[in-house]
Amino acid sequence: AQALASKLPAGVPVLDIWNKQDVLTGERPAAGLLVSAKTGSGLQAL
């Protein structure tokens, strides 16, 4: 994350994507999109 912030030009967005939602246990992350590349869940929101 620190390297992305230093190397990317200003204005280039970084989207935090959490994969493997199909096996999620416990609390979901406070920020970012949840997806499952395996089942396709969350891909439309992405």
All heavy atoms as atom14 arrays in JSON, in Angstrom:
{
  "sequence": "AQALASKLPAGVPVLDIWNKQDVLTGERPAAGLLVSAKTGSGLQAL",
  "atom14_mask": [
    [1, 1, 1, 1, 1, 0, 0, 0, 0, 0, 0, 0, 0, 0],
    [1, 1, 1, 1, 1, 1, 1, 1, 1, 0, 0, 0, 0, 0],
    [1, 1, 1, 1, 1, 0, 0, 0, 0, 0, 0, 0, 0, 0],
    [1, 1, 1, 1, 1, 1, 1, 1, 0, 0, 0, 0, 0, 0],
    [1, 1, 1, 1, 1, 0, 0, 0, 0, 0, 0, 0, 0, 0],
    [1, 1, 1, 1, 1, 1, 0, 0, 0, 0, 0, 0, 0, 0],
    [1, 1, 1, 1, 1, 1, 1, 1, 1, 0, 0, 0, 0, 0],
    [1, 1, 1, 1, 1, 1, 1, 1, 0, 0, 0, 0, 0, 0],
    [1, 1, 1, 1, 1, 1, 1, 0, 0, 0, 0, 0, 0, 0],
    [1, 1, 1, 1, 1, 0, 0, 0, 0, 0, 0, 0, 0, 0],
    [1, 1, 1, 1, 0, 0, 0, 0, 0, 0, 0, 0, 0, 0],
    [1, 1, 1, 1, 1, 1, 1, 0, 0, 0, 0, 0, 0, 0],
    [1, 1, 1, 1, 1, 1, 1, 0, 0, 0, 0, 0, 0, 0],
    [1, 1, 1, 1, 1, 1, 1, 0, 0, 0, 0, 0, 0, 0],
    [1, 1, 1, 1, 1, 1, 1, 1, 0, 0, 0, 0, 0, 0],
    [1, 1, 1, 1, 1, 1, 1, 1, 0, 0, 0, 0, 0, 0],
    [1, 1, 1, 1, 1, 1, 1, 1, 0, 0, 0, 0, 0, 0],
    [1, 1, 1, 1, 1, 1, 1, 1, 1, 1, 1, 1, 1, 1],
    [1, 1, 1, 1, 1, 1, 1, 1, 0, 0, 0, 0, 0, 0],
    [1, 1, 1, 1, 1, 1, 1, 1, 1, 0, 0, 0, 0, 0],
    [1, 1, 1, 1, 1, 1, 1, 1, 1, 0, 0, 0, 0, 0],
    [1, 1, 1, 1, 1, 1, 1, 1, 0, 0, 0, 0, 0, 0],
    [1, 1, 1, 1, 1, 1, 1, 0, 0, 0, 0, 0, 0, 0],
    [1, 1, 1, 1, 1, 1, 1, 1, 0, 0, 0, 0, 0, 0],
    [1, 1, 1, 1, 1, 1, 1, 0, 0, 0, 0, 0, 0, 0],
    [1, 1, 1, 1, 0, 0, 0, 0, 0, 0, 0, 0, 0, 0],
    [1, 1, 1, 1, 1, 1, 1, 1, 1, 0, 0, 0, 0, 0],
    [1, 1, 1, 1, 1, 1, 1, 1, 1, 1, 1, 0, 0, 0],
    [1, 1, 1, 1, 1, 1, 1, 0, 0, 0, 0, 0, 0, 0],
    [1, 1, 1, 1, 1, 0, 0, 0, 0, 0, 0, 0, 0, 0],
    [1, 1, 1, 1, 1, 0, 0, 0, 0, 0, 0, 0, 0, 0],
    [1, 1, 1, 1, 0, 0, 0, 0, 0, 0, 0, 0, 0, 0],
    [1, 1, 1, 1, 1, 1, 1, 1, 0, 0, 0, 0, 0, 0],
    [1, 1, 1, 1, 1, 1, 1, 1, 0, 0, 0, 0, 0, 0],
    [1, 1, 1, 1, 1, 1, 1, 0, 0, 0, 0, 0, 0, 0],
    [1, 1, 1, 1, 1, 1, 0, 0, 0, 0, 0, 0, 0, 0],
    [1, 1, 1, 1, 1, 0, 0, 0, 0, 0, 0, 0, 0, 0],
    [1, 1, 1, 1, 1, 1, 1, 1, 1, 0, 0, 0, 0, 0],
    [1, 1, 1, 1, 1, 1, 1, 0, 0, 0, 0, 0, 0, 0],
    [1, 1, 1, 1, 0, 0, 0, 0, 0, 0, 0, 0, 0, 0],
    [1, 1, 1, 1, 1, 1, 0, 0, 0, 0, 0, 0, 0, 0],
    [1, 1, 1, 1, 0, 0, 0, 0, 0, 0, 0, 0, 0, 0],
    [1, 1, 1, 1, 1, 1, 1, 1, 0, 0, 0, 0, 0, 0],
    [1, 1, 1, 1, 1, 1, 1, 1, 1, 0, 0, 0, 0, 0],
    [1, 1, 1, 1, 1, 0, 0, 0, 0, 0, 0, 0, 0, 0],
    [1, 1, 1, 1, 1, 1, 1, 1, 0, 0, 0, 0, 0, 0]
  ],
  "atom14_positions": [
    [[0.83, -1.21, 0.0], [0.0, 0.0, 0.0], [0.86, 1.25, 0.0], [0.58, 2.23, -0.72], [-0.94, -0.01, 1.2], [0.0, 0.0, 0.0], [0.0, 0.0, 0.0], [0.0, 0.0, 0.0], [0.0, 0.0, 0.0], [0.0, 0.0, 0.0], [0.0, 0.0, 0.0], [0.0, 0.0, 0.0], [0.0, 0.0, 0.0], [0.0, 0.0, 0.0]],
    [[1.94, 1.22, 0.8], [2.84, 2.38, 0.86], [3.54, 2.57, -0.48], [3.7, 3.71, -0.96], [3.85, 2.18, 1.97], [4.74, 3.4, 2.2], [5.69, 3.2, 3.39], [5.78, 2.1, 3.94], [6.37, 4.26, 3.78], [0.0, 0.0, 0.0], [0.0, 0.0, 0.0], [0.0, 0.0, 0.0], [0.0, 0.0, 0.0], [0.0, 0.0, 0.0]],
    [[3.96, 1.47, -1.11], [4.63, 1.56, -2.41], [3.67, 2.08, -3.48], [4.06, 2.89, -4.34], [5.18, 0.19, -2.82], [0.0, 0.0, 0.0], [0.0, 0.0, 0.0], [0.0, 0.0, 0.0], [0.0, 0.0, 0.0], [0.0, 0.0, 0.0], [0.0, 0.0, 0.0], [0.0, 0.0, 0.0], [0.0, 0.0, 0.0], [0.0, 0.0, 0.0]],
    [[2.43, 1.65, -3.46], [1.43, 2.15, -4.41], [1.24, 3.65, -4.26], [1.17, 4.39, -5.25], [0.09, 1.43, -4.22], [0.01, -0.04, -4.68], [-1.31, -0.65, -4.24], [0.17, -0.15, -6.18], [0.0, 0.0, 0.0], [0.0, 0.0, 0.0], [0.0, 0.0, 0.0], [0.0, 0.0, 0.0], [0.0, 0.0, 0.0], [0.0, 0.0, 0.0]],
    [[1.15, 4.09, -3.03], [0.95, 5.52, -2.78], [2.11, 6.36, -3.29], [1.92, 7.48, -3.77], [0.74, 5.76, -1.29], [0.0, 0.0, 0.0], [0.0, 0.0, 0.0], [0.0, 0.0, 0.0], [0.0, 0.0, 0.0], [0.0, 0.0, 0.0], [0.0, 0.0, 0.0], [0.0, 0.0, 0.0], [0.0, 0.0, 0.0], [0.0, 0.0, 0.0]],
    [[3.33, 5.82, -3.21], [4.5, 6.59, -3.62], [4.75, 6.53, -5.13], [5.31, 7.47, -5.7], [5.74, 6.1, -2.87], [6.02, 4.75, -3.21], [0.0, 0.0, 0.0], [0.0, 0.0, 0.0], [0.0, 0.0, 0.0], [0.0, 0.0, 0.0], [0.0, 0.0, 0.0], [0.0, 0.0, 0.0], [0.0, 0.0, 0.0], [0.0, 0.0, 0.0]],
    [[4.35, 5.44, -5.77], [4.69, 5.25, -7.19], [3.59, 5.68, -8.15], [3.85, 5.96, -9.32], [5.05, 3.8, -7.45], [6.33, 3.36, -6.74], [6.74, 1.96, -7.16], [8.04, 1.55, -6.46], [8.54, 0.23, -6.91], [0.0, 0.0, 0.0], [0.0, 0.0, 0.0], [0.0, 0.0, 0.0], [0.0, 0.0, 0.0], [0.0, 0.0, 0.0]],
    [[2.34, 5.72, -7.68], [1.24, 6.06, -8.57], [1.14, 7.57, -8.74], [1.29, 8.32, -7.76], [-0.08, 5.52, -8.04], [-0.36, 4.04, -8.27], [-1.64, 3.63, -7.54], [-0.47, 3.72, -9.75], [0.0, 0.0, 0.0], [0.0, 0.0, 0.0], [0.0, 0.0, 0.0], [0.0, 0.0, 0.0], [0.0, 0.0, 0.0], [0.0, 0.0, 0.0]],
    [[0.84, 8.05, -9.95], [0.6, 9.49, -10.13], [-0.63, 9.93, -9.35], [-1.52, 9.14, -9.05], [0.36, 9.61, -11.65], [0.93, 8.36, -12.25], [0.78, 7.29, -11.21], [0.0, 0.0, 0.0], [0.0, 0.0, 0.0], [0.0, 0.0, 0.0], [0.0, 0.0, 0.0], [0.0, 0.0, 0.0], [0.0, 0.0, 0.0], [0.0, 0.0, 0.0]],
    [[-0.67, 11.21, -9.04], [-1.82, 11.75, -8.3], [-3.1, 11.57, -9.11], [-3.11, 11.77, -10.32], [-1.58, 13.23, -8.01], [0.0, 0.0, 0.0], [0.0, 0.0, 0.0], [0.0, 0.0, 0.0], [0.0, 0.0, 0.0], [0.0, 0.0, 0.0], [0.0, 0.0, 0.0], [0.0, 0.0, 0.0], [0.0, 0.0, 0.0], [0.0, 0.0, 0.0]],
    [[-4.15, 11.18, -8.44], [-5.44, 11.03, -9.11], [-5.75, 9.63, -9.6], [-6.88, 9.37, -10.0], [0.0, 0.0, 0.0], [0.0, 0.0, 0.0], [0.0, 0.0, 0.0], [0.0, 0.0, 0.0], [0.0, 0.0, 0.0], [0.0, 0.0, 0.0], [0.0, 0.0, 0.0], [0.0, 0.0, 0.0], [0.0, 0.0, 0.0], [0.0, 0.0, 0.0]],
    [[-4.76, 8.72, -9.57], [-5.03, 7.34, -9.99], [-5.65, 6.59, -8.81], [-5.03, 6.45, -7.76], [-3.74, 6.64, -10.45], [-4.02, 5.17, -10.77], [-3.16, 7.34, -11.66], [0.0, 0.0, 0.0], [0.0, 0.0, 0.0], [0.0, 0.0, 0.0], [0.0, 0.0, 0.0], [0.0, 0.0, 0.0], [0.0, 0.0, 0.0], [0.0, 0.0, 0.0]],
    [[-6.89, 6.11, -8.96], [-7.56, 5.48, -7.82], [-7.03, 4.08, -7.54], [-6.64, 3.35, -8.45], [-9.03, 5.42, -8.27], [-8.97, 5.38, -9.76], [-7.76, 6.18, -10.14], [0.0, 0.0, 0.0], [0.0, 0.0, 0.0], [0.0, 0.0, 0.0], [0.0, 0.0, 0.0], [0.0, 0.0, 0.0], [0.0, 0.0, 0.0], [0.0, 0.0, 0.0]],
    [[-7.02, 3.7, -6.26], [-6.69, 2.34, -5.83], [-7.91, 1.79, -5.11], [-8.34, 2.34, -4.09], [-5.46, 2.33, -4.9], [-5.19, 0.91, -4.4], [-4.24, 2.89, -5.61], [0.0, 0.0, 0.0], [0.0, 0.0, 0.0], [0.0, 0.0, 0.0], [0.0, 0.0, 0.0], [0.0, 0.0, 0.0], [0.0, 0.0, 0.0], [0.0, 0.0, 0.0]],
    [[-8.48, 0.71, -5.66], [-9.67, 0.09, -5.06], [-9.24, -1.13, -4.25], [-8.59, -2.03, -4.78], [-10.67, -0.34, -6.13], [-11.58, 0.74, -6.74], [-10.78, 1.69, -7.62], [-12.7, 0.09, -7.55], [0.0, 0.0, 0.0], [0.0, 0.0, 0.0], [0.0, 0.0, 0.0], [0.0, 0.0, 0.0], [0.0, 0.0, 0.0], [0.0, 0.0, 0.0]],
    [[-9.58, -1.13, -2.97], [-9.29, -2.3, -2.13], [-10.36, -3.36, -2.37], [-11.55, -3.12, -2.14], [-9.26, -1.88, -0.65], [-8.02, -1.09, -0.31], [-6.92, -1.64, -0.45], [-8.16, 0.09, 0.07], [0.0, 0.0, 0.0], [0.0, 0.0, 0.0], [0.0, 0.0, 0.0], [0.0, 0.0, 0.0], [0.0, 0.0, 0.0], [0.0, 0.0, 0.0]],
    [[-9.91, -4.53, -2.83], [-10.82, -5.63, -3.15], [-10.45, -6.82, -2.27], [-9.28, -7.26, -2.27], [-10.73, -6.04, -4.64], [-10.84, -4.8, -5.55], [-11.79, -7.07, -4.98], [-12.16, -4.08, -5.45], [0.0, 0.0, 0.0], [0.0, 0.0, 0.0], [0.0, 0.0, 0.0], [0.0, 0.0, 0.0], [0.0, 0.0, 0.0], [0.0, 0.0, 0.0]],
    [[-11.43, -7.36, -1.55], [-11.2, -8.52, -0.69], [-11.78, -9.75, -1.38], [-12.98, -9.86, -1.58], [-11.86, -8.31, 0.67], [-11.21, -7.21, 1.47], [-11.52, -5.89, 1.48], [-10.11, -7.37, 2.36], [-10.7, -5.2, 2.31], [-9.81, -6.08, 2.87], [-9.33, -8.45, 2.79], [-8.79, -5.84, 3.78], [-8.31, -8.21, 3.71], [-8.03, -6.94, 4.19]],
    [[-10.88, -10.67, -1.74], [-11.29, -11.88, -2.48], [-11.53, -13.05, -1.53], [-11.11, -13.04, -0.38], [-10.2, -12.22, -3.5], [-10.65, -13.31, -4.45], [-11.84, -13.46, -4.73], [-9.7, -14.08, -4.96], [0.0, 0.0, 0.0], [0.0, 0.0, 0.0], [0.0, 0.0, 0.0], [0.0, 0.0, 0.0], [0.0, 0.0, 0.0], [0.0, 0.0, 0.0]],
    [[-12.21, -14.05, -2.08], [-12.53, -15.31, -1.38], [-13.65, -15.1, -0.36], [-13.63, -15.65, 0.74], [-11.28, -15.93, -0.74], [-10.14, -16.13, -1.75], [-8.91, -16.77, -1.14], [-7.77, -16.86, -2.15], [-6.54, -17.46, -1.59], [0.0, 0.0, 0.0], [0.0, 0.0, 0.0], [0.0, 0.0, 0.0], [0.0, 0.0, 0.0], [0.0, 0.0, 0.0]],
    [[-14.63, -14.3, -0.77], [-15.79, -14.07, 0.08], [-16.55, -15.37, 0.36], [-17.21, -15.49, 1.4], [-16.73, -13.06, -0.61], [-17.96, -12.69, 0.21], [-18.93, -11.85, -0.59], [-18.83, -11.77, -1.8], [-19.88, -11.22, 0.09], [0.0, 0.0, 0.0], [0.0, 0.0, 0.0], [0.0, 0.0, 0.0], [0.0, 0.0, 0.0], [0.0, 0.0, 0.0]],
    [[-16.43, -16.34, -0.55], [-17.16, -17.6, -0.38], [-16.7, -18.39, 0.83], [-17.41, -19.28, 1.3], [-17.03, -18.45, -1.65], [-15.58, -18.63, -2.07], [-14.9, -17.62, -2.3], [-15.12, -19.79, -2.19], [0.0, 0.0, 0.0], [0.0, 0.0, 0.0], [0.0, 0.0, 0.0], [0.0, 0.0, 0.0], [0.0, 0.0, 0.0], [0.0, 0.0, 0.0]],
    [[-15.5, -18.09, 1.34], [-15.01, -18.8, 2.53], [-14.8, -17.84, 3.69], [-14.02, -18.12, 4.6], [-13.7, -19.55, 2.21], [-13.96, -20.7, 1.25], [-12.65, -18.6, 1.64], [0.0, 0.0, 0.0], [0.0, 0.0, 0.0], [0.0, 0.0, 0.0], [0.0, 0.0, 0.0], [0.0, 0.0, 0.0], [0.0, 0.0, 0.0], [0.0, 0.0, 0.0]],
    [[-15.51, -16.69, 3.65], [-15.35, -15.7, 4.71], [-15.86, -16.23, 6.04], [-16.95, -16.77, 6.15], [-16.12, -14.43, 4.34], [-16.17, -13.33, 5.41], [-14.78, -12.78, 5.69], [-17.11, -12.22, 4.97], [0.0, 0.0, 0.0], [0.0, 0.0, 0.0], [0.0, 0.0, 0.0], [0.0, 0.0, 0.0], [0.0, 0.0, 0.0], [0.0, 0.0, 0.0]],
    [[-15.03, -16.06, 7.05], [-15.44, -16.36, 8.43], [-15.11, -15.15, 9.29], [-14.12, -14.47, 9.07], [-14.69, -17.6, 8.97], [-13.28, -17.37, 8.9], [-15.05, -18.84, 8.16], [0.0, 0.0, 0.0], [0.0, 0.0, 0.0], [0.0, 0.0, 0.0], [0.0, 0.0, 0.0], [0.0, 0.0, 0.0], [0.0, 0.0, 0.0], [0.0, 0.0, 0.0]],
    [[-15.94, -14.9, 10.25], [-15.69, -13.77, 11.13], [-16.21, -12.48, 10.54], [-17.01, -12.45, 9.6], [0.0, 0.0, 0.0], [0.0, 0.0, 0.0], [0.0, 0.0, 0.0], [0.0, 0.0, 0.0], [0.0, 0.0, 0.0], [0.0, 0.0, 0.0], [0.0, 0.0, 0.0], [0.0, 0.0, 0.0], [0.0, 0.0, 0.0], [0.0, 0.0, 0.0]],
    [[-15.75, -11.35, 11.09], [-16.23, -10.05, 10.67], [-15.69, -9.69, 9.3], [-14.57, -10.05, 8.94], [-15.79, -8.98, 11.68], [-16.42, -9.14, 13.05], [-16.01, -8.03, 13.99], [-15.3, -7.1, 13.52], [-16.4, -8.06, 15.16], [0.0, 0.0, 0.0], [0.0, 0.0, 0.0], [0.0, 0.0, 0.0], [0.0, 0.0, 0.0], [0.0, 0.0, 0.0]],
    [[-16.5, -8.95, 8.56], [-16.06, -8.47, 7.24], [-15.17, -7.24, 7.42], [-15.29, -6.52, 8.43], [-17.25, -8.15, 6.35], [-18.19, -7.1, 6.89], [-19.24, -6.74, 5.85], [-18.65, -6.05, 4.72], [-19.2, -6.01, 3.51], [-20.34, -6.63, 3.28], [-18.61, -5.35, 2.53], [0.0, 0.0, 0.0], [0.0, 0.0, 0.0], [0.0, 0.0, 0.0]],
    [[-14.28, -6.94, 6.48], [-13.43, -5.76, 6.58], [-14.25, -4.47, 6.63], [-15.35, -4.41, 6.07], [-12.58, -5.83, 5.3], [-12.64, -7.26, 4.88], [-13.98, -7.76, 5.31], [0.0, 0.0, 0.0], [0.0, 0.0, 0.0], [0.0, 0.0, 0.0], [0.0, 0.0, 0.0], [0.0, 0.0, 0.0], [0.0, 0.0, 0.0], [0.0, 0.0, 0.0]],
    [[-13.69, -3.47, 7.27], [-14.41, -2.21, 7.43], [-14.52, -1.45, 6.12], [-15.46, -0.68, 5.93], [-13.7, -1.35, 8.48], [0.0, 0.0, 0.0], [0.0, 0.0, 0.0], [0.0, 0.0, 0.0], [0.0, 0.0, 0.0], [0.0, 0.0, 0.0], [0.0, 0.0, 0.0], [0.0, 0.0, 0.0], [0.0, 0.0, 0.0], [0.0, 0.0, 0.0]],
    [[-13.57, -1.63, 5.22], [-13.58, -0.88, 3.96], [-13.22, -1.82, 2.81], [-12.57, -2.85, 3.0], [-12.58, 0.27, 4.03], [0.0, 0.0, 0.0], [0.0, 0.0, 0.0], [0.0, 0.0, 0.0], [0.0, 0.0, 0.0], [0.0, 0.0, 0.0], [0.0, 0.0, 0.0], [0.0, 0.0, 0.0], [0.0, 0.0, 0.0], [0.0, 0.0, 0.0]],
    [[-13.65, -1.44, 1.63], [-13.33, -2.22, 0.44], [-14.51, -3.06, -0.03], [-15.5, -3.24, 0.68], [0.0, 0.0, 0.0], [0.0, 0.0, 0.0], [0.0, 0.0, 0.0], [0.0, 0.0, 0.0], [0.0, 0.0, 0.0], [0.0, 0.0, 0.0], [0.0, 0.0, 0.0], [0.0, 0.0, 0.0], [0.0, 0.0, 0.0], [0.0, 0.0, 0.0]],
    [[-14.38, -3.6, -1.24], [-15.41, -4.45, -1.82], [-15.08, -5.91, -1.58], [-13.92, -6.32, -1.69], [-15.49, -4.2, -3.33], [-16.11, -2.88, -3.79], [-15.95, -2.72, -5.29], [-17.57, -2.8, -3.4], [0.0, 0.0, 0.0], [0.0, 0.0, 0.0], [0.0, 0.0, 0.0], [0.0, 0.0, 0.0], [0.0, 0.0, 0.0], [0.0, 0.0, 0.0]],
    [[-16.1, -6.7, -1.28], [-15.93, -8.14, -1.1], [-16.36, -8.86, -2.37], [-17.45, -8.59, -2.9], [-16.78, -8.64, 0.08], [-16.1, -8.63, 1.46], [-15.77, -7.22, 1.89], [-17.0, -9.31, 2.49], [0.0, 0.0, 0.0], [0.0, 0.0, 0.0], [0.0, 0.0, 0.0], [0.0, 0.0, 0.0], [0.0, 0.0, 0.0], [0.0, 0.0, 0.0]],
    [[-15.52, -9.74, -2.85], [-15.85, -10.5, -4.06], [-15.42, -11.95, -3.86], [-14.65, -12.28, -2.95], [-15.14, -9.94, -5.32], [-15.49, -8.49, -5.55], [-13.63, -10.13, -5.23], [0.0, 0.0, 0.0], [0.0, 0.0, 0.0], [0.0, 0.0, 0.0], [0.0, 0.0, 0.0], [0.0, 0.0, 0.0], [0.0, 0.0, 0.0], [0.0, 0.0, 0.0]],
    [[-15.94, -12.78, -4.75], [-15.46, -14.16, -4.85], [-15.21, -14.44, -6.31], [-16.14, -14.54, -7.11], [-16.49, -15.15, -4.29], [-16.1, -16.48, -4.61], [0.0, 0.0, 0.0], [0.0, 0.0, 0.0], [0.0, 0.0, 0.0], [0.0, 0.0, 0.0], [0.0, 0.0, 0.0], [0.0, 0.0, 0.0], [0.0, 0.0, 0.0], [0.0, 0.0, 0.0]],
    [[-13.94, -14.52, -6.69], [-13.6, -14.85, -8.07], [-14.07, -16.25, -8.42], [-14.32, -16.55, -9.59], [-12.09, -14.72, -8.28], [0.0, 0.0, 0.0], [0.0, 0.0, 0.0], [0.0, 0.0, 0.0], [0.0, 0.0, 0.0], [0.0, 0.0, 0.0], [0.0, 0.0, 0.0], [0.0, 0.0, 0.0], [0.0, 0.0, 0.0], [0.0, 0.0, 0.0]],
    [[-14.24, -17.09, -7.41], [-14.66, -18.48, -7.64], [-16.15, -18.57, -7.96], [-16.55, -19.25, -8.91], [-14.33, -19.33, -6.41], [-14.67, -20.8, -6.56], [-14.24, -21.58, -5.32], [-14.56, -23.06, -5.46], [-14.14, -23.82, -4.26], [0.0, 0.0, 0.0], [0.0, 0.0, 0.0], [0.0, 0.0, 0.0], [0.0, 0.0, 0.0], [0.0, 0.0, 0.0]],
    [[-16.98, -17.87, -7.2], [-18.43, -17.97, -7.39], [-19.02, -16.81, -8.2], [-20.15, -16.88, -8.65], [-19.15, -18.02, -6.03], [-18.98, -16.75, -5.36], [-18.58, -19.13, -5.17], [0.0, 0.0, 0.0], [0.0, 0.0, 0.0], [0.0, 0.0, 0.0], [0.0, 0.0, 0.0], [0.0, 0.0, 0.0], [0.0, 0.0, 0.0], [0.0, 0.0, 0.0]],
    [[-18.27, -15.72, -8.34], [-18.78, -14.54, -9.04], [-19.49, -13.56, -8.15], [-19.93, -12.5, -8.62], [0.0, 0.0, 0.0], [0.0, 0.0, 0.0], [0.0, 0.0, 0.0], [0.0, 0.0, 0.0], [0.0, 0.0, 0.0], [0.0, 0.0, 0.0], [0.0, 0.0, 0.0], [0.0, 0.0, 0.0], [0.0, 0.0, 0.0], [0.0, 0.0, 0.0]],
    [[-19.59, -13.86, -6.88], [-20.24, -12.94, -5.95], [-19.48, -11.62, -5.88], [-18.25, -11.6, -5.76], [-20.32, -13.59, -4.56], [-20.83, -12.67, -3.61], [0.0, 0.0, 0.0], [0.0, 0.0, 0.0], [0.0, 0.0, 0.0], [0.0, 0.0, 0.0], [0.0, 0.0, 0.0], [0.0, 0.0, 0.0], [0.0, 0.0, 0.0], [0.0, 0.0, 0.0]],
    [[-20.21, -10.51, -5.93], [-19.61, -9.19, -5.8], [-19.02, -8.63, -7.07], [-18.58, -7.47, -7.1], [0.0, 0.0, 0.0], [0.0, 0.0, 0.0], [0.0, 0.0, 0.0], [0.0, 0.0, 0.0], [0.0, 0.0, 0.0], [0.0, 0.0, 0.0], [0.0, 0.0, 0.0], [0.0, 0.0, 0.0], [0.0, 0.0, 0.0], [0.0, 0.0, 0.0]],
    [[-18.98, -9.42, -8.16], [-18.35, -8.93, -9.39], [-19.13, -7.79, -10.02], [-18.54, -6.86, -10.6], [-18.18, -10.08, -10.39], [-17.14, -11.15, -10.05], [-17.0, -12.13, -11.2], [-15.79, -10.52, -9.72], [0.0, 0.0, 0.0], [0.0, 0.0, 0.0], [0.0, 0.0, 0.0], [0.0, 0.0, 0.0], [0.0, 0.0, 0.0], [0.0, 0.0, 0.0]],
    [[-20.46, -7.84, -9.94], [-21.26, -6.76, -10.53], [-20.99, -5.44, -9.81], [-20.89, -4.38, -10.44], [-22.74, -7.11, -10.48], [-23.66, -6.11, -11.18], [-23.29, -5.88, -12.64], [-22.75, -6.77, -13.32], [-23.55, -4.68, -13.13], [0.0, 0.0, 0.0], [0.0, 0.0, 0.0], [0.0, 0.0, 0.0], [0.0, 0.0, 0.0], [0.0, 0.0, 0.0]],
    [[-20.88, -5.5, -8.48], [-20.56, -4.28, -7.72], [-19.17, -3.77, -8.11], [-18.95, -2.55, -8.19], [-20.63, -4.57, -6.23], [0.0, 0.0, 0.0], [0.0, 0.0, 0.0], [0.0, 0.0, 0.0], [0.0, 0.0, 0.0], [0.0, 0.0, 0.0], [0.0, 0.0, 0.0], [0.0, 0.0, 0.0], [0.0, 0.0, 0.0], [0.0, 0.0, 0.0]],
    [[-18.25, -4.69, -8.36], [-16.9, -4.3, -8.79], [-16.95, -3.62, -10.15], [-16.28, -2.6, -10.37], [-15.99, -5.52, -8.83], [-14.58, -5.32, -9.41], [-13.84, -4.22, -8.66], [-13.79, -6.62, -9.37], [0.0, 0.0, 0.0], [0.0, 0.0, 0.0], [0.0, 0.0, 0.0], [0.0, 0.0, 0.0], [0.0, 0.0, 0.0], [0.0, 0.0, 0.0]]
  ]
}
